[in-house]
Amino acid sequence: MRVDSVQMRALARWRKDRASAVSRVDADQRSALDALEPDQLSATLRDARYGKRRLGPGTLTILWALRIYVALMAALVLHQLIIAL
């Protein structure tokens, strides 16, 4: 995929605008969080939700391989326990 200079400038401008907007929000959130009592702060942080992250195919493959490995090892341990009895 080829990116021309206009797209690069637009991307750079977007990143700069986003960074300044994030810093403004962070400053506002910090001042608001500083005003909260400890129990209010913990309730606020507990209620904060983050969306699901999209994982790439490599990560999904690794996670499925780990699930399969754990299932096989659990079956092996169970088999060994049954044999030992």
N, C-alpha and C. Protein backbone atom coordinates (compact mmCIF):
# COMPACT_ATOMS: atom_id res chain seq x y z
N MET A 1 0.84 -1.17 0.00
CA MET A 1 0.00 0.00 0.00
C MET A 1 0.89 1.24 0.00
N ARG A 2 0.68 2.11 -0.96
CA ARG A 2 1.50 3.30 -1.11
C ARG A 2 0.80 4.48 -0.46
N VAL A 3 1.51 5.23 0.35
CA VAL A 3 0.95 6.39 1.03
C VAL A 3 1.63 7.63 0.47
N ASP A 4 0.84 8.59 -0.03
CA ASP A 4 1.45 9.80 -0.58
C ASP A 4 1.66 10.84 0.51
N SER A 5 2.29 11.95 0.15
CA SER A 5 2.67 12.96 1.13
C SER A 5 1.44 13.66 1.73
N VAL A 6 0.37 13.80 0.98
CA VAL A 6 -0.85 14.43 1.51
C VAL A 6 -1.42 13.57 2.63
N GLN A 7 -1.46 12.27 2.41
CA GLN A 7 -1.97 11.37 3.44
C GLN A 7 -1.05 11.37 4.66
N MET A 8 0.24 11.46 4.44
CA MET A 8 1.18 11.49 5.56
C MET A 8 0.99 12.76 6.39
N ARG A 9 0.81 13.90 5.71
CA ARG A 9 0.58 15.15 6.44
C ARG A 9 -0.73 15.10 7.21
N ALA A 10 -1.77 14.54 6.60
CA ALA A 10 -3.06 14.42 7.28
C ALA A 10 -2.94 13.51 8.50
N LEU A 11 -2.20 12.43 8.36
CA LEU A 11 -2.01 11.52 9.48
C LEU A 11 -1.23 12.19 10.61
N ALA A 12 -0.19 12.95 10.25
CA ALA A 12 0.60 13.65 11.26
C ALA A 12 -0.25 14.69 11.98
N ARG A 13 -1.09 15.42 11.23
CA ARG A 13 -1.96 16.43 11.83
C ARG A 13 -2.97 15.76 12.75
N TRP A 14 -3.53 14.62 12.33
CA TRP A 14 -4.49 13.90 13.16
C TRP A 14 -3.85 13.44 14.47
N ARG A 15 -2.64 12.90 14.37
CA ARG A 15 -1.94 12.44 15.58
C ARG A 15 -1.67 13.59 16.53
N LYS A 16 -1.29 14.75 15.99
CA LYS A 16 -1.00 15.91 16.83
C LYS A 16 -2.27 16.40 17.51
N ASP A 17 -3.38 16.49 16.76
CA ASP A 17 -4.66 16.92 17.33
C ASP A 17 -5.13 15.94 18.39
N ARG A 18 -4.97 14.67 18.13
CA ARG A 18 -5.40 13.63 19.08
C ARG A 18 -4.57 13.70 20.35
N ALA A 19 -3.27 13.91 20.20
CA ALA A 19 -2.40 13.98 21.38
C ALA A 19 -2.77 15.17 22.25
N SER A 20 -3.07 16.32 21.65
CA SER A 20 -3.43 17.48 22.45
C SER A 20 -4.79 17.28 23.12
N ALA A 21 -5.72 16.63 22.42
CA ALA A 21 -7.04 16.35 23.01
C ALA A 21 -6.91 15.38 24.17
N VAL A 22 -6.06 14.38 24.02
CA VAL A 22 -5.85 13.40 25.10
C VAL A 22 -5.22 14.07 26.30
N SER A 23 -4.27 14.96 26.09
CA SER A 23 -3.62 15.63 27.21
C SER A 23 -4.60 16.54 27.94
N ARG A 24 -5.51 17.20 27.20
CA ARG A 24 -6.53 18.02 27.86
C ARG A 24 -7.46 17.16 28.69
N VAL A 25 -7.89 16.03 28.15
CA VAL A 25 -8.77 15.13 28.89
C VAL A 25 -8.06 14.58 30.12
N ASP A 26 -6.80 14.21 29.95
CA ASP A 26 -6.05 13.68 31.09
C ASP A 26 -5.94 14.71 32.20
N ALA A 27 -5.69 15.97 31.85
CA ALA A 27 -5.59 17.02 32.86
C ALA A 27 -6.92 17.22 33.56
N ASP A 28 -8.01 17.23 32.80
CA ASP A 28 -9.34 17.38 33.40
C ASP A 28 -9.66 16.19 34.30
N GLN A 29 -9.35 14.99 33.86
CA GLN A 29 -9.62 13.80 34.66
C GLN A 29 -8.78 13.79 35.93
N ARG A 30 -7.53 14.21 35.82
CA ARG A 30 -6.67 14.24 37.01
C ARG A 30 -7.24 15.17 38.06
N SER A 31 -7.68 16.37 37.66
CA SER A 31 -8.23 17.31 38.63
C SER A 31 -9.53 16.78 39.23
N ALA A 32 -10.33 16.11 38.40
CA ALA A 32 -11.58 15.54 38.93
C ALA A 32 -11.28 14.38 39.87
N LEU A 33 -10.33 13.54 39.53
CA LEU A 33 -10.00 12.40 40.38
C LEU A 33 -9.34 12.84 41.68
N ASP A 34 -8.61 13.96 41.64
CA ASP A 34 -7.98 14.45 42.87
C ASP A 34 -9.03 14.93 43.87
N ALA A 35 -10.19 15.36 43.39
CA ALA A 35 -11.23 15.87 44.27
C ALA A 35 -12.07 14.76 44.90
N LEU A 36 -11.93 13.53 44.46
CA LEU A 36 -12.75 12.44 44.97
C LEU A 36 -12.20 11.88 46.27
N GLU A 37 -13.11 11.40 47.10
CA GLU A 37 -12.73 10.68 48.32
C GLU A 37 -12.22 9.30 47.90
N PRO A 38 -11.45 8.62 48.77
CA PRO A 38 -10.91 7.30 48.39
C PRO A 38 -11.97 6.28 47.98
N ASP A 39 -13.11 6.25 48.70
CA ASP A 39 -14.14 5.27 48.32
C ASP A 39 -14.81 5.65 47.01
N GLN A 40 -14.95 6.95 46.74
CA GLN A 40 -15.51 7.38 45.46
C GLN A 40 -14.54 7.06 44.32
N LEU A 41 -13.26 7.24 44.60
CA LEU A 41 -12.25 6.97 43.58
C LEU A 41 -12.23 5.49 43.22
N SER A 42 -12.27 4.62 44.24
CA SER A 42 -12.26 3.19 43.95
C SER A 42 -13.51 2.77 43.19
N ALA A 43 -14.67 3.36 43.52
CA ALA A 43 -15.90 3.04 42.80
C ALA A 43 -15.82 3.53 41.36
N THR A 44 -15.24 4.69 41.17
CA THR A 44 -15.10 5.24 39.81
C THR A 44 -14.17 4.37 38.98
N LEU A 45 -13.05 3.99 39.55
CA LEU A 45 -12.10 3.17 38.80
C LEU A 45 -12.63 1.76 38.56
N ARG A 46 -13.41 1.23 39.49
CA ARG A 46 -13.98 -0.10 39.32
C ARG A 46 -15.01 -0.10 38.19
N ASP A 47 -15.77 1.00 38.07
CA ASP A 47 -16.81 1.08 37.05
C ASP A 47 -16.27 1.41 35.67
N ALA A 48 -14.99 1.80 35.58
CA ALA A 48 -14.41 2.11 34.27
C ALA A 48 -14.30 0.82 33.47
N ARG A 49 -14.82 0.85 32.27
CA ARG A 49 -14.79 -0.33 31.41
C ARG A 49 -13.97 -0.04 30.17
N TYR A 50 -13.29 -1.03 29.73
CA TYR A 50 -12.52 -0.92 28.50
C TYR A 50 -13.11 -1.90 27.50
N GLY A 51 -13.15 -1.51 26.24
CA GLY A 51 -13.70 -2.37 25.21
C GLY A 51 -12.80 -3.57 24.95
N LYS A 52 -13.35 -4.53 24.24
CA LYS A 52 -12.57 -5.70 23.89
C LYS A 52 -11.50 -5.32 22.89
N ARG A 53 -10.34 -5.87 23.07
CA ARG A 53 -9.25 -5.61 22.14
C ARG A 53 -9.27 -6.66 21.04
N ARG A 54 -9.07 -6.22 19.83
CA ARG A 54 -9.01 -7.16 18.71
C ARG A 54 -7.61 -7.76 18.65
N LEU A 55 -7.56 -9.08 18.66
CA LEU A 55 -6.28 -9.77 18.63
C LEU A 55 -5.98 -10.25 17.22
N GLY A 56 -4.71 -10.25 16.90
CA GLY A 56 -4.29 -10.70 15.58
C GLY A 56 -4.34 -12.20 15.46
N PRO A 57 -4.19 -12.71 14.26
CA PRO A 57 -4.27 -14.16 14.06
C PRO A 57 -3.14 -14.92 14.76
N GLY A 58 -1.97 -14.33 14.85
CA GLY A 58 -0.86 -14.99 15.56
C GLY A 58 -1.14 -15.14 17.04
N THR A 59 -1.67 -14.08 17.64
CA THR A 59 -2.00 -14.12 19.06
C THR A 59 -3.11 -15.12 19.34
N LEU A 60 -4.12 -15.13 18.48
CA LEU A 60 -5.20 -16.09 18.66
C LEU A 60 -4.71 -17.52 18.54
N THR A 61 -3.79 -17.77 17.61
CA THR A 61 -3.22 -19.11 17.44
C THR A 61 -2.47 -19.53 18.70
N ILE A 62 -1.68 -18.62 19.24
CA ILE A 62 -0.92 -18.92 20.47
C ILE A 62 -1.87 -19.20 21.62
N LEU A 63 -2.92 -18.40 21.76
CA LEU A 63 -3.87 -18.62 22.86
C LEU A 63 -4.60 -19.95 22.72
N TRP A 64 -4.99 -20.31 21.49
CA TRP A 64 -5.64 -21.61 21.30
C TRP A 64 -4.69 -22.76 21.58
N ALA A 65 -3.43 -22.60 21.17
CA ALA A 65 -2.44 -23.64 21.45
C ALA A 65 -2.25 -23.79 22.96
N LEU A 66 -2.24 -22.68 23.68
CA LEU A 66 -2.11 -22.74 25.13
C LEU A 66 -3.33 -23.42 25.76
N ARG A 67 -4.52 -23.14 25.28
CA ARG A 67 -5.72 -23.80 25.79
C ARG A 67 -5.66 -25.31 25.57
N ILE A 68 -5.25 -25.70 24.39
CA ILE A 68 -5.15 -27.13 24.08
C ILE A 68 -4.10 -27.79 24.97
N TYR A 69 -2.95 -27.12 25.16
CA TYR A 69 -1.89 -27.65 26.00
C TYR A 69 -2.39 -27.84 27.44
N VAL A 70 -3.08 -26.85 27.96
CA VAL A 70 -3.58 -26.94 29.35
C VAL A 70 -4.59 -28.08 29.46
N ALA A 71 -5.46 -28.23 28.48
CA ALA A 71 -6.45 -29.31 28.51
C ALA A 71 -5.75 -30.68 28.47
N LEU A 72 -4.74 -30.82 27.62
CA LEU A 72 -4.01 -32.09 27.54
C LEU A 72 -3.26 -32.38 28.84
N MET A 73 -2.64 -31.36 29.43
CA MET A 73 -1.92 -31.58 30.68
C MET A 73 -2.87 -31.92 31.82
N ALA A 74 -4.04 -31.31 31.84
CA ALA A 74 -5.04 -31.64 32.87
C ALA A 74 -5.49 -33.09 32.69
N ALA A 75 -5.71 -33.51 31.45
CA ALA A 75 -6.09 -34.90 31.20
C ALA A 75 -4.98 -35.85 31.61
N LEU A 76 -3.73 -35.49 31.34
CA LEU A 76 -2.59 -36.33 31.72
C LEU A 76 -2.48 -36.47 33.23
N VAL A 77 -2.63 -35.38 33.95
CA VAL A 77 -2.57 -35.42 35.42
C VAL A 77 -3.72 -36.26 35.96
N LEU A 78 -4.91 -36.08 35.42
CA LEU A 78 -6.05 -36.88 35.86
C LEU A 78 -5.81 -38.36 35.59
N HIS A 79 -5.26 -38.69 34.44
CA HIS A 79 -4.95 -40.07 34.09
C HIS A 79 -3.93 -40.65 35.08
N GLN A 80 -2.90 -39.90 35.41
CA GLN A 80 -1.89 -40.35 36.35
C GLN A 80 -2.47 -40.56 37.75
N LEU A 81 -3.38 -39.67 38.15
CA LEU A 81 -4.03 -39.84 39.45
C LEU A 81 -4.87 -41.09 39.49
N ILE A 82 -5.58 -41.37 38.42
CA ILE A 82 -6.43 -42.58 38.37
C ILE A 82 -5.58 -43.83 38.39
N ILE A 83 -4.48 -43.82 37.65
CA ILE A 83 -3.57 -44.98 37.64
C ILE A 83 -2.94 -45.21 39.01
N ALA A 84 -2.60 -44.13 39.72
CA ALA A 84 -1.95 -44.25 41.03
C ALA A 84 -2.88 -44.84 42.08
N LEU A 85 -4.16 -44.69 41.89
CA LEU A 85 -5.10 -45.24 42.87
C LEU A 85 -5.21 -46.70 42.63
